[in-house]
Amino acid sequence: MSIKNHFCIHGASSLIGKNFCKYLLSKNYPITIFSRSTSNLDFLENKPNVFIYRYNKSISELMDKVSAIDNSVFVNIAWDGVFGAERDNPKQFSINIPQITDSIELSKKIGVKHWIGFGSQAEYGNINNQTKIDENYPTDPVTLYGKSKLICSKISEELCKAYGIEHSWFRLFSAYGPYGNHKWFIDYLIDEMKNDRVLNITKCEQFLDYLYVDDISDLLIRLGEGGGVGIANLGSGKATQLKDIVEIIRSQTKSKSTINYGAVEYKSDQGMFNEADISKLFKTIGWKPKVDIEQGLSNMIKINNNEGI
């Protein structure tokens, strides 16, 4: 019987983190969690094979408190400031860049074999070309969020190389799924339509690339069993128009909501089309998404209704 990889997770209370932890628990993987003292980790407390380390301000506080976990995999999802105006807050640099370097320093100390970080499509800037975006597409971030993600992609790559740690950095397009801490657009739509409320939204003409969280968990498991892939795009590889998502949710919830398309204006910098070229991940590790948008939305709605848990 093969020994399961030990995963270290920084950012377990995030959408991706929570779903990945739940998957690991279902498969009896050992998990070590690094988390702020204020994060809600009730779903992990008193679980077998789960070890939790808390810090107040910086993960560097744990440098002398964590025992060696040789050949483990470190998944860094934690990021400060992912919403709205926060994306141009100077803390994007002052908090997040040190957080990334400290996580790799900790990884070196405890014997991590593979460090995995989550970047963003924001590293490319505003994308409006109706074409798939591969990793050679010019990076031109327009927010401090995108700029700091891009800087961290390069810093993490160089630090991992210097320390002999395998490196993967994912430019994530859009993720969705249950158990998120925040009300993203899809969560908002489901909640409002389940309650037959009136929705005032944009025309929803944008085409966005949404990836279901179970496919991200599958990718992370695969990476735990192999080497790093460097910088790679992460998405479904298929853009879906937002209006189609709205109508799928309306149909699946059997909602009587009135939907006022165009009641809200687009943002001045609204991107209208993005779609990830994910061929690098398929070529390097054979990964491709399995959950299409209809099934993913159905899963979310069932879980929100306390079904299928």
C-alpha atoms as a PDB file:
ATOM      1  CA  MET A   1       0.000   0.000   0.000  1.00  0.00           C
ATOM      2  CA  SER A   2       1.473   3.356  -1.026  1.00  0.00           C
ATOM      3  CA  ILE A   3       1.919   6.160   1.521  1.00  0.00           C
ATOM      4  CA  LYS A   4      -0.327   9.138   0.894  1.00  0.00           C
ATOM      5  CA  ASN A   5       1.256  12.528   0.356  1.00  0.00           C
ATOM      6  CA  HIS A   6       1.185  14.910   3.280  1.00  0.00           C
ATOM      7  CA  PHE A   7      -0.349  18.235   2.215  1.00  0.00           C
ATOM      8  CA  CYS A   8       0.426  21.510   3.987  1.00  0.00           C
ATOM      9  CA  ILE A   9      -2.233  24.136   3.274  1.00  0.00           C
ATOM     10  CA  HIS A  10      -2.060  27.886   3.821  1.00  0.00           C
ATOM     11  CA  GLY A  11      -5.507  29.379   3.167  1.00  0.00           C
ATOM     12  CA  ALA A  12      -7.758  26.499   4.242  1.00  0.00           C
ATOM     13  CA  SER A  13     -10.767  28.739   4.878  1.00  0.00           C
ATOM     14  CA  SER A  14     -10.874  30.008   1.273  1.00  0.00           C
ATOM     15  CA  LEU A  15     -13.196  28.590  -1.388  1.00  0.00           C
ATOM     16  CA  ILE A  16     -10.457  26.424  -2.913  1.00  0.00           C
ATOM     17  CA  GLY A  17      -8.881  25.612   0.442  1.00  0.00           C
ATOM     18  CA  LYS A  18     -12.068  24.464   2.126  1.00  0.00           C
ATOM     19  CA  ASN A  19     -13.125  22.235  -0.760  1.00  0.00           C
ATOM     20  CA  PHE A  20      -9.647  20.748  -1.093  1.00  0.00           C
ATOM     21  CA  CYS A  21      -9.475  20.024   2.645  1.00  0.00           C
ATOM     22  CA  LYS A  22     -12.876  18.338   2.543  1.00  0.00           C
ATOM     23  CA  TYR A  23     -11.662  16.186  -0.347  1.00  0.00           C
ATOM     24  CA  LEU A  24      -8.454  15.243   1.494  1.00  0.00           C
ATOM     25  CA  LEU A  25     -10.422  14.352   4.617  1.00  0.00           C
ATOM     26  CA  SER A  26     -12.697  12.068   2.594  1.00  0.00           C
ATOM     27  CA  LYS A  27      -9.615  10.210   1.334  1.00  0.00           C
ATOM     28  CA  ASN A  28      -7.828  10.106   4.727  1.00  0.00           C
ATOM     29  CA  TYR A  29      -4.874  12.207   3.632  1.00  0.00           C
ATOM     30  CA  PRO A  30      -2.762  13.716   6.431  1.00  0.00           C
ATOM     31  CA  ILE A  31      -3.057  17.527   6.436  1.00  0.00           C
ATOM     32  CA  THR A  32      -1.142  20.311   8.166  1.00  0.00           C
ATOM     33  CA  ILE A  33      -2.891  23.679   8.227  1.00  0.00           C
ATOM     34  CA  PHE A  34      -1.223  27.077   8.596  1.00  0.00           C
ATOM     35  CA  SER A  35      -3.793  29.742   9.356  1.00  0.00           C
ATOM     36  CA  ARG A  36      -4.439  33.162  10.828  1.00  0.00           C
ATOM     37  CA  SER A  37      -5.773  33.071  14.377  1.00  0.00           C
ATOM     38  CA  THR A  38      -9.010  34.695  13.167  1.00  0.00           C
ATOM     39  CA  SER A  39      -9.862  32.163  10.432  1.00  0.00           C
ATOM     40  CA  ASN A  40     -12.851  29.878  10.964  1.00  0.00           C
ATOM     41  CA  LEU A  41     -11.625  26.281  10.796  1.00  0.00           C
ATOM     42  CA  ASP A  42     -14.493  24.602  12.646  1.00  0.00           C
ATOM     43  CA  PHE A  43     -14.840  22.073   9.835  1.00  0.00           C
ATOM     44  CA  LEU A  44     -11.280  20.833  10.554  1.00  0.00           C
ATOM     45  CA  GLU A  45     -11.203  20.876  14.347  1.00  0.00           C
ATOM     46  CA  ASN A  46     -10.705  17.500  16.056  1.00  0.00           C
ATOM     47  CA  LYS A  47     -10.402  15.634  12.773  1.00  0.00           C
ATOM     48  CA  PRO A  48      -7.946  12.694  12.615  1.00  0.00           C
ATOM     49  CA  ASN A  49      -4.667  13.348  10.782  1.00  0.00           C
ATOM     50  CA  VAL A  50      -5.235  17.124  10.809  1.00  0.00           C
ATOM     51  CA  PHE A  51      -2.625  19.352  12.444  1.00  0.00           C
ATOM     52  CA  ILE A  52      -3.368  23.068  12.813  1.00  0.00           C
ATOM     53  CA  TYR A  53      -0.852  25.848  13.445  1.00  0.00           C
ATOM     54  CA  ARG A  54      -2.140  29.370  14.047  1.00  0.00           C
ATOM     55  CA  TYR A  55      -0.330  32.694  13.675  1.00  0.00           C
ATOM     56  CA  ASN A  56      -1.340  36.288  14.418  1.00  0.00           C
ATOM     57  CA  LYS A  57       0.175  38.448  11.682  1.00  0.00           C
ATOM     58  CA  SER A  58       2.637  36.421   9.630  1.00  0.00           C
ATOM     59  CA  ILE A  59       3.257  32.784   8.814  1.00  0.00           C
ATOM     60  CA  SER A  60       6.901  33.481   9.697  1.00  0.00           C
ATOM     61  CA  GLU A  61       5.816  33.274  13.364  1.00  0.00           C
ATOM     62  CA  LEU A  62       5.629  29.493  12.881  1.00  0.00           C
ATOM     63  CA  MET A  63       9.206  29.082  11.691  1.00  0.00           C
ATOM     64  CA  ASP A  64      10.418  27.507  14.944  1.00  0.00           C
ATOM     65  CA  LYS A  65       7.158  25.816  15.901  1.00  0.00           C
ATOM     66  CA  VAL A  66       6.607  23.325  13.071  1.00  0.00           C
ATOM     67  CA  SER A  67       8.372  19.981  13.005  1.00  0.00           C
ATOM     68  CA  ALA A  68       9.853  18.584   9.810  1.00  0.00           C
ATOM     69  CA  ILE A  69       7.358  17.150   7.320  1.00  0.00           C
ATOM     70  CA  ASP A  70       9.770  15.701   4.774  1.00  0.00           C
ATOM     71  CA  ASN A  71       8.626  15.306   1.151  1.00  0.00           C
ATOM     72  CA  SER A  72       5.363  17.108   1.817  1.00  0.00           C
ATOM     73  CA  VAL A  73       3.449  19.330  -0.627  1.00  0.00           C
ATOM     74  CA  PHE A  74       2.769  22.964   0.334  1.00  0.00           C
ATOM     75  CA  VAL A  75      -0.332  24.560  -1.223  1.00  0.00           C
ATOM     76  CA  ASN A  76      -0.419  28.342  -0.762  1.00  0.00           C
ATOM     77  CA  ILE A  77      -3.892  29.784  -1.392  1.00  0.00           C
ATOM     78  CA  ALA A  78      -3.884  32.555   1.225  1.00  0.00           C
ATOM     79  CA  TRP A  79      -4.043  36.109  -0.147  1.00  0.00           C
ATOM     80  CA  ASP A  80      -4.997  39.395   1.492  1.00  0.00           C
ATOM     81  CA  GLY A  81      -7.344  41.648  -0.520  1.00  0.00           C
ATOM     82  CA  VAL A  82      -9.238  39.913  -3.329  1.00  0.00           C
ATOM     83  CA  PHE A  83     -12.344  42.112  -3.518  1.00  0.00           C
ATOM     84  CA  GLY A  84     -13.162  45.375  -5.302  1.00  0.00           C
ATOM     85  CA  ALA A  85     -11.240  48.398  -4.039  1.00  0.00           C
ATOM     86  CA  GLU A  86      -8.901  46.143  -2.050  1.00  0.00           C
ATOM     87  CA  ARG A  87      -7.256  45.205  -5.323  1.00  0.00           C
ATOM     88  CA  ASP A  88      -5.543  48.580  -5.478  1.00  0.00           C
ATOM     89  CA  ASN A  89      -4.659  48.769  -1.793  1.00  0.00           C
ATOM     90  CA  PRO A  90      -0.895  49.017  -1.107  1.00  0.00           C
ATOM     91  CA  LYS A  91      -1.216  45.998   1.202  1.00  0.00           C
ATOM     92  CA  GLN A  92      -1.159  43.942  -1.989  1.00  0.00           C
ATOM     93  CA  PHE A  93       2.588  44.522  -1.866  1.00  0.00           C
ATOM     94  CA  SER A  94       3.265  45.073   1.842  1.00  0.00           C
ATOM     95  CA  ILE A  95       1.413  41.957   3.067  1.00  0.00           C
ATOM     96  CA  ASN A  96       1.224  39.474   0.208  1.00  0.00           C
ATOM     97  CA  ILE A  97       4.765  39.524  -1.152  1.00  0.00           C
ATOM     98  CA  PRO A  98       6.345  38.853   2.283  1.00  0.00           C
ATOM     99  CA  GLN A  99       3.668  36.220   2.893  1.00  0.00           C
ATOM    100  CA  ILE A 100       4.719  34.325  -0.232  1.00  0.00           C
ATOM    101  CA  THR A 101       8.441  34.486   0.555  1.00  0.00           C
ATOM    102  CA  ASP A 102       7.826  33.467   4.183  1.00  0.00           C
ATOM    103  CA  SER A 103       5.760  30.462   3.065  1.00  0.00           C
ATOM    104  CA  ILE A 104       8.646  29.260   0.909  1.00  0.00           C
ATOM    105  CA  GLU A 105      11.163  29.856   3.713  1.00  0.00           C
ATOM    106  CA  LEU A 106       8.945  27.748   5.984  1.00  0.00           C
ATOM    107  CA  SER A 107       8.667  25.124   3.242  1.00  0.00           C
ATOM    108  CA  LYS A 108      12.453  24.880   3.038  1.00  0.00           C
ATOM    109  CA  LYS A 109      12.768  24.482   6.799  1.00  0.00           C
ATOM    110  CA  ILE A 110      10.217  21.674   7.138  1.00  0.00           C
ATOM    111  CA  GLY A 111      11.349  19.668   4.097  1.00  0.00           C
ATOM    112  CA  VAL A 112       8.665  20.426   1.512  1.00  0.00           C
ATOM    113  CA  LYS A 113       9.313  18.816  -1.888  1.00  0.00           C
ATOM    114  CA  HIS A 114       6.788  20.816  -3.943  1.00  0.00           C
ATOM    115  CA  TRP A 115       5.440  24.338  -3.381  1.00  0.00           C
ATOM    116  CA  ILE A 116       2.221  25.299  -5.198  1.00  0.00           C
ATOM    117  CA  GLY A 117       0.945  28.883  -5.417  1.00  0.00           C
ATOM    118  CA  PHE A 118      -2.217  30.438  -6.820  1.00  0.00           C
ATOM    119  CA  GLY A 119      -1.894  33.440  -9.090  1.00  0.00           C
ATOM    120  CA  SER A 120      -4.550  35.029 -11.267  1.00  0.00           C
ATOM    121  CA  GLN A 121      -5.623  35.874 -14.785  1.00  0.00           C
ATOM    122  CA  ALA A 122      -5.206  39.471 -13.512  1.00  0.00           C
ATOM    123  CA  GLU A 123      -1.517  38.997 -14.257  1.00  0.00           C
ATOM    124  CA  TYR A 124      -2.443  39.385 -17.937  1.00  0.00           C
ATOM    125  CA  GLY A 125      -4.442  42.578 -17.370  1.00  0.00           C
ATOM    126  CA  ASN A 126      -7.763  43.270 -19.094  1.00  0.00           C
ATOM    127  CA  ILE A 127      -8.370  40.630 -21.726  1.00  0.00           C
ATOM    128  CA  ASN A 128     -10.903  41.335 -24.451  1.00  0.00           C
ATOM    129  CA  ASN A 129      -9.520  39.289 -27.327  1.00  0.00           C
ATOM    130  CA  GLN A 130     -11.834  36.474 -28.298  1.00  0.00           C
ATOM    131  CA  THR A 131      -9.027  33.954 -28.252  1.00  0.00           C
ATOM    132  CA  LYS A 132      -7.651  31.438 -25.797  1.00  0.00           C
ATOM    133  CA  ILE A 133      -4.920  32.885 -23.583  1.00  0.00           C
ATOM    134  CA  ASP A 134      -1.802  30.761 -23.194  1.00  0.00           C
ATOM    135  CA  GLU A 135       1.183  31.328 -20.926  1.00  0.00           C
ATOM    136  CA  ASN A 136       3.019  33.297 -23.623  1.00  0.00           C
ATOM    137  CA  TYR A 137       0.348  35.990 -23.715  1.00  0.00           C
ATOM    138  CA  PRO A 138       1.890  39.339 -22.635  1.00  0.00           C
ATOM    139  CA  THR A 139       1.517  40.121 -18.932  1.00  0.00           C
ATOM    140  CA  ASP A 140       0.216  43.656 -18.397  1.00  0.00           C
ATOM    141  CA  PRO A 141      -1.602  43.813 -15.034  1.00  0.00           C
ATOM    142  CA  VAL A 142      -3.589  46.982 -14.348  1.00  0.00           C
ATOM    143  CA  THR A 143      -4.292  46.555 -10.613  1.00  0.00           C
ATOM    144  CA  LEU A 144      -1.921  46.246  -7.666  1.00  0.00           C
ATOM    145  CA  TYR A 145      -3.533  42.842  -7.132  1.00  0.00           C
ATOM    146  CA  GLY A 146      -2.480  41.662 -10.587  1.00  0.00           C
ATOM    147  CA  LYS A 147       0.944  43.274 -10.300  1.00  0.00           C
ATOM    148  CA  SER A 148       1.682  41.689  -6.932  1.00  0.00           C
ATOM    149  CA  LYS A 149       0.522  38.287  -8.206  1.00  0.00           C
ATOM    150  CA  LEU A 150       2.895  38.627 -11.167  1.00  0.00           C
ATOM    151  CA  ILE A 151       5.785  39.634  -8.911  1.00  0.00           C
ATOM    152  CA  CYS A 152       5.060  36.670  -6.636  1.00  0.00           C
ATOM    153  CA  SER A 153       5.038  34.277  -9.598  1.00  0.00           C
ATOM    154  CA  LYS A 154       8.621  35.280 -10.343  1.00  0.00           C
ATOM    155  CA  ILE A 155       9.815  35.453  -6.738  1.00  0.00           C
ATOM    156  CA  SER A 156       8.366  32.040  -5.907  1.00  0.00           C
ATOM    157  CA  GLU A 157       9.885  30.521  -9.040  1.00  0.00           C
ATOM    158  CA  GLU A 158      13.377  31.812  -8.207  1.00  0.00           C
ATOM    159  CA  LEU A 159      13.227  30.961  -4.491  1.00  0.00           C
ATOM    160  CA  CYS A 160      12.026  27.417  -5.139  1.00  0.00           C
ATOM    161  CA  LYS A 161      14.782  26.959  -7.706  1.00  0.00           C
ATOM    162  CA  ALA A 162      17.391  28.190  -5.243  1.00  0.00           C
ATOM    163  CA  TYR A 163      16.117  25.838  -2.517  1.00  0.00           C
ATOM    164  CA  GLY A 164      15.656  22.774  -4.745  1.00  0.00           C
ATOM    165  CA  ILE A 165      11.864  22.753  -4.289  1.00  0.00           C
ATOM    166  CA  GLU A 166       9.512  21.807  -7.128  1.00  0.00           C
ATOM    167  CA  HIS A 167       7.445  24.838  -8.194  1.00  0.00           C
ATOM    168  CA  SER A 168       3.961  25.331  -9.635  1.00  0.00           C
ATOM    169  CA  TRP A 169       2.163  28.652 -10.054  1.00  0.00           C
ATOM    170  CA  PHE A 170      -1.379  28.737 -11.398  1.00  0.00           C
ATOM    171  CA  ARG A 171      -2.853  31.731 -13.156  1.00  0.00           C
ATOM    172  CA  LEU A 172      -6.416  30.967 -12.116  1.00  0.00           C
ATOM    173  CA  PHE A 173      -9.174  32.383 -14.306  1.00  0.00           C
ATOM    174  CA  SER A 174     -12.421  31.938 -12.291  1.00  0.00           C
ATOM    175  CA  ALA A 175     -13.279  29.268  -9.722  1.00  0.00           C
ATOM    176  CA  TYR A 176     -16.708  28.381  -8.341  1.00  0.00           C
ATOM    177  CA  GLY A 177     -18.131  25.856  -5.924  1.00  0.00           C
ATOM    178  CA  PRO A 178     -19.763  25.356  -2.525  1.00  0.00           C
ATOM    179  CA  TYR A 179     -18.551  26.271   0.958  1.00  0.00           C
ATOM    180  CA  GLY A 180     -17.064  29.656   0.077  1.00  0.00           C
ATOM    181  CA  ASN A 181     -16.724  32.281   2.800  1.00  0.00           C
ATOM    182  CA  HIS A 182     -17.786  35.117   0.508  1.00  0.00           C
ATOM    183  CA  LYS A 183     -20.716  35.689  -1.791  1.00  0.00           C
ATOM    184  CA  TRP A 184     -19.256  35.564  -5.278  1.00  0.00           C
ATOM    185  CA  PHE A 185     -21.508  36.210  -8.271  1.00  0.00           C
ATOM    186  CA  ILE A 186     -22.660  32.612  -8.703  1.00  0.00           C
ATOM    187  CA  ASP A 187     -23.335  32.213  -4.963  1.00  0.00           C
ATOM    188  CA  TYR A 188     -25.327  35.452  -5.069  1.00  0.00           C
ATOM    189  CA  LEU A 189     -27.407  34.259  -8.015  1.00  0.00           C
ATOM    190  CA  ILE A 190     -28.232  30.937  -6.374  1.00  0.00           C
ATOM    191  CA  ASP A 191     -29.240  32.515  -3.063  1.00  0.00           C
ATOM    192  CA  GLU A 192     -31.396  35.184  -4.694  1.00  0.00           C
ATOM    193  CA  MET A 193     -33.144  32.831  -7.101  1.00  0.00           C
ATOM    194  CA  LYS A 194     -33.863  30.206  -4.454  1.00  0.00           C
ATOM    195  CA  ASN A 195     -35.786  32.931  -2.647  1.00  0.00           C
ATOM    196  CA  ASP A 196     -37.488  34.247  -5.831  1.00  0.00           C
ATOM    197  CA  ARG A 197     -36.055  37.725  -5.317  1.00  0.00           C
ATOM    198  CA  VAL A 198     -35.753  40.431  -7.967  1.00  0.00           C
ATOM    199  CA  LEU A 199     -32.267  40.602  -9.514  1.00  0.00           C
ATOM    200  CA  ASN A 200     -30.832  43.834 -10.891  1.00  0.00           C
ATOM    201  CA  ILE A 201     -27.707  42.893 -12.854  1.00  0.00           C
ATOM    202  CA  THR A 202     -25.685  43.895 -15.908  1.00  0.00           C
ATOM    203  CA  LYS A 203     -26.548  42.709 -19.411  1.00  0.00           C
ATOM    204  CA  CYS A 204     -24.308  39.711 -18.615  1.00  0.00           C
ATOM    205  CA  GLU A 205     -22.769  39.652 -22.086  1.00  0.00           C
ATOM    206  CA  GLN A 206     -19.333  38.745 -20.713  1.00  0.00           C
ATOM    207  CA  PHE A 207     -17.786  35.387 -21.563  1.00  0.00           C
ATOM    208  CA  LEU A 208     -15.837  34.040 -18.580  1.00  0.00           C
ATOM    209  CA  ASP A 209     -13.918  30.832 -17.936  1.00  0.00           C
ATOM    210  CA  TYR A 210     -15.282  29.125 -14.790  1.00  0.00           C
ATOM    211  CA  LEU A 211     -13.636  26.043 -13.237  1.00  0.00           C
ATOM    212  CA  TYR A 212     -15.368  23.873 -10.635  1.00  0.00           C
ATOM    213  CA  VAL A 213     -13.493  23.320  -7.367  1.00  0.00           C
ATOM    214  CA  ASP A 214     -13.508  19.509  -7.590  1.00  0.00           C
ATOM    215  CA  ASP A 215     -11.399  19.752 -10.741  1.00  0.00           C
ATOM    216  CA  ILE A 216      -8.901  21.927  -8.850  1.00  0.00           C
ATOM    217  CA  SER A 217      -8.719  19.327  -6.058  1.00  0.00           C
ATOM    218  CA  ASP A 218      -8.081  16.631  -8.648  1.00  0.00           C
ATOM    219  CA  LEU A 219      -5.253  18.706 -10.130  1.00  0.00           C
ATOM    220  CA  LEU A 220      -3.616  19.254  -6.728  1.00  0.00           C
ATOM    221  CA  ILE A 221      -3.689  15.528  -5.980  1.00  0.00           C
ATOM    222  CA  ARG A 222      -2.034  14.822  -9.328  1.00  0.00           C
ATOM    223  CA  LEU A 223       0.645  17.410  -8.628  1.00  0.00           C
ATOM    224  CA  GLY A 224       1.326  15.840  -5.244  1.00  0.00           C
ATOM    225  CA  GLU A 225       2.298  12.676  -7.042  1.00  0.00           C
ATOM    226  CA  GLY A 226       4.615  14.362  -9.552  1.00  0.00           C
ATOM    227  CA  GLY A 227       6.886  17.332 -10.156  1.00  0.00           C
ATOM    228  CA  GLY A 228       6.266  21.017 -10.628  1.00  0.00           C
ATOM    229  CA  VAL A 229       4.808  22.470 -13.804  1.00  0.00           C
ATOM    230  CA  GLY A 230       6.097  26.054 -13.403  1.00  0.00           C
ATOM    231  CA  ILE A 231       3.732  28.843 -14.421  1.00  0.00           C
ATOM    232  CA  ALA A 232       0.524  27.490 -15.951  1.00  0.00           C
ATOM    233  CA  ASN A 233      -2.973  28.732 -16.748  1.00  0.00           C
ATOM    234  CA  LEU A 234      -5.790  27.153 -14.763  1.00  0.00           C
ATOM    235  CA  GLY A 235      -9.349  27.211 -16.039  1.00  0.00           C
ATOM    236  CA  SER A 236     -11.965  25.068 -17.705  1.00  0.00           C
ATOM    237  CA  GLY A 237     -10.678  25.947 -21.160  1.00  0.00           C
ATOM    238  CA  LYS A 238     -14.191  26.956 -22.203  1.00  0.00           C
ATOM    239  CA  ALA A 239     -15.707  30.416 -21.762  1.00  0.00           C
ATOM    240  CA  THR A 240     -19.421  30.632 -20.883  1.00  0.00           C
ATOM    241  CA  GLN A 241     -21.546  33.744 -21.274  1.00  0.00           C
ATOM    242  CA  LEU A 242     -22.762  35.024 -17.918  1.00  0.00           C
ATOM    243  CA  LYS A 243     -26.332  35.256 -19.207  1.00  0.00           C
ATOM    244  CA  ASP A 244     -26.269  31.507 -19.871  1.00  0.00           C
ATOM    245  CA  ILE A 245     -25.120  30.891 -16.287  1.00  0.00           C
ATOM    246  CA  VAL A 246     -27.961  33.064 -14.982  1.00  0.00           C
ATOM    247  CA  GLU A 247     -30.511  31.128 -17.021  1.00  0.00           C
ATOM    248  CA  ILE A 248     -29.093  27.714 -16.039  1.00  0.00           C
ATOM    249  CA  ILE A 249     -29.419  28.649 -12.373  1.00  0.00           C
ATOM    250  CA  ARG A 250     -32.945  29.971 -12.932  1.00  0.00           C
ATOM    251  CA  SER A 251     -33.923  26.683 -14.561  1.00  0.00           C
ATOM    252  CA  GLN A 252     -32.237  24.437 -11.985  1.00  0.00           C
ATOM    253  CA  THR A 253     -33.714  26.299  -9.000  1.00  0.00           C
ATOM    254  CA  LYS A 254     -37.123  26.600 -10.700  1.00  0.00           C
ATOM    255  CA  SER A 255     -36.997  30.231  -9.656  1.00  0.00           C
ATOM    256  CA  LYS A 256     -39.746  32.778 -10.150  1.00  0.00           C
ATOM    257  CA  SER A 257     -37.283  35.658  -9.826  1.00  0.00           C
ATOM    258  CA  THR A 258     -37.620  38.674 -12.091  1.00  0.00           C
ATOM    259  CA  ILE A 259     -34.256  39.322 -13.695  1.00  0.00           C
ATOM    260  CA  ASN A 260     -33.583  42.869 -14.856  1.00  0.00           C
ATOM    261  CA  TYR A 261     -30.708  42.574 -17.304  1.00  0.00           C
ATOM    262  CA  GLY A 262     -28.918  45.877 -17.853  1.00  0.00           C
ATOM    263  CA  ALA A 263     -30.142  47.488 -14.629  1.00  0.00           C
ATOM    264  CA  VAL A 264     -26.506  47.713 -13.526  1.00  0.00           C
ATOM    265  CA  GLU A 265     -23.845  49.338 -15.703  1.00  0.00           C
ATOM    266  CA  TYR A 266     -20.596  47.568 -16.504  1.00  0.00           C
ATOM    267  CA  LYS A 267     -17.483  48.704 -14.671  1.00  0.00           C
ATOM    268  CA  SER A 268     -15.326  51.116 -16.671  1.00  0.00           C
ATOM    269  CA  ASP A 269     -12.598  48.478 -16.981  1.00  0.00           C
ATOM    270  CA  GLN A 270     -14.928  45.510 -17.501  1.00  0.00           C
ATOM    271  CA  GLY A 271     -13.323  42.706 -19.488  1.00  0.00           C
ATOM    272  CA  MET A 272     -15.758  41.037 -21.858  1.00  0.00           C
ATOM    273  CA  PHE A 273     -13.995  37.819 -22.826  1.00  0.00           C
ATOM    274  CA  ASN A 274     -11.444  35.527 -21.235  1.00  0.00           C
ATOM    275  CA  GLU A 275     -10.737  31.894 -21.869  1.00  0.00           C
ATOM    276  CA  ALA A 276      -7.755  29.892 -20.639  1.00  0.00           C
ATOM    277  CA  ASP A 277      -5.595  27.758 -22.865  1.00  0.00           C
ATOM    278  CA  ILE A 278      -4.976  24.818 -20.519  1.00  0.00           C
ATOM    279  CA  SER A 279      -3.038  22.650 -22.961  1.00  0.00           C
ATOM    280  CA  LYS A 280       0.167  22.966 -20.893  1.00  0.00           C
ATOM    281  CA  LEU A 281      -1.384  21.111 -17.966  1.00  0.00           C
ATOM    282  CA  PHE A 282      -2.779  18.427 -20.242  1.00  0.00           C
ATOM    283  CA  LYS A 283       0.563  17.922 -21.982  1.00  0.00           C
ATOM    284  CA  THR A 284       2.630  17.860 -18.792  1.00  0.00           C
ATOM    285  CA  ILE A 285       0.452  15.826 -16.394  1.00  0.00           C
ATOM    286  CA  GLY A 286      -2.564  14.714 -18.420  1.00  0.00           C
ATOM    287  CA  TRP A 287      -5.023  16.849 -16.457  1.00  0.00           C
ATOM    288  CA  LYS A 288      -8.247  18.184 -17.893  1.00  0.00           C
ATOM    289  CA  PRO A 289     -11.522  19.261 -16.223  1.00  0.00           C
ATOM    290  CA  LYS A 290     -14.307  16.722 -15.806  1.00  0.00           C
ATOM    291  CA  VAL A 291     -17.172  18.853 -14.452  1.00  0.00           C
ATOM    292  CA  ASP A 292     -19.056  21.004 -16.961  1.00  0.00           C
ATOM    293  CA  ILE A 293     -20.860  24.191 -15.946  1.00  0.00           C
ATOM    294  CA  GLU A 294     -24.325  22.599 -15.772  1.00  0.00           C
ATOM    295  CA  GLN A 295     -23.147  19.802 -13.465  1.00  0.00           C
ATOM    296  CA  GLY A 296     -21.075  22.146 -11.312  1.00  0.00           C
ATOM    297  CA  LEU A 297     -24.010  24.501 -10.770  1.00  0.00           C
ATOM    298  CA  SER A 298     -26.276  21.558  -9.993  1.00  0.00           C
ATOM    299  CA  ASN A 299     -23.767  20.326  -7.384  1.00  0.00           C
ATOM    300  CA  MET A 300     -23.679  23.747  -5.725  1.00  0.00           C
ATOM    301  CA  ILE A 301     -27.466  24.014  -5.586  1.00  0.00           C
ATOM    302  CA  LYS A 302     -27.843  20.515  -4.086  1.00  0.00           C
ATOM    303  CA  ILE A 303     -25.224  21.205  -1.419  1.00  0.00           C
ATOM    304  CA  ASN A 304     -26.847  24.541  -0.604  1.00  0.00           C
ATOM    305  CA  ASN A 305     -30.086  22.600  -0.137  1.00  0.00           C
ATOM    306  CA  ASN A 306     -28.257  20.147   2.194  1.00  0.00           C
ATOM    307  CA  GLU A 307     -28.439  17.392  -0.394  1.00  0.00           C
ATOM    308  CA  GLY A 308     -25.603  15.272  -1.656  1.00  0.00           C
ATOM    309  CA  ILE A 309     -23.154  16.171   1.154  1.00  0.00           C
END
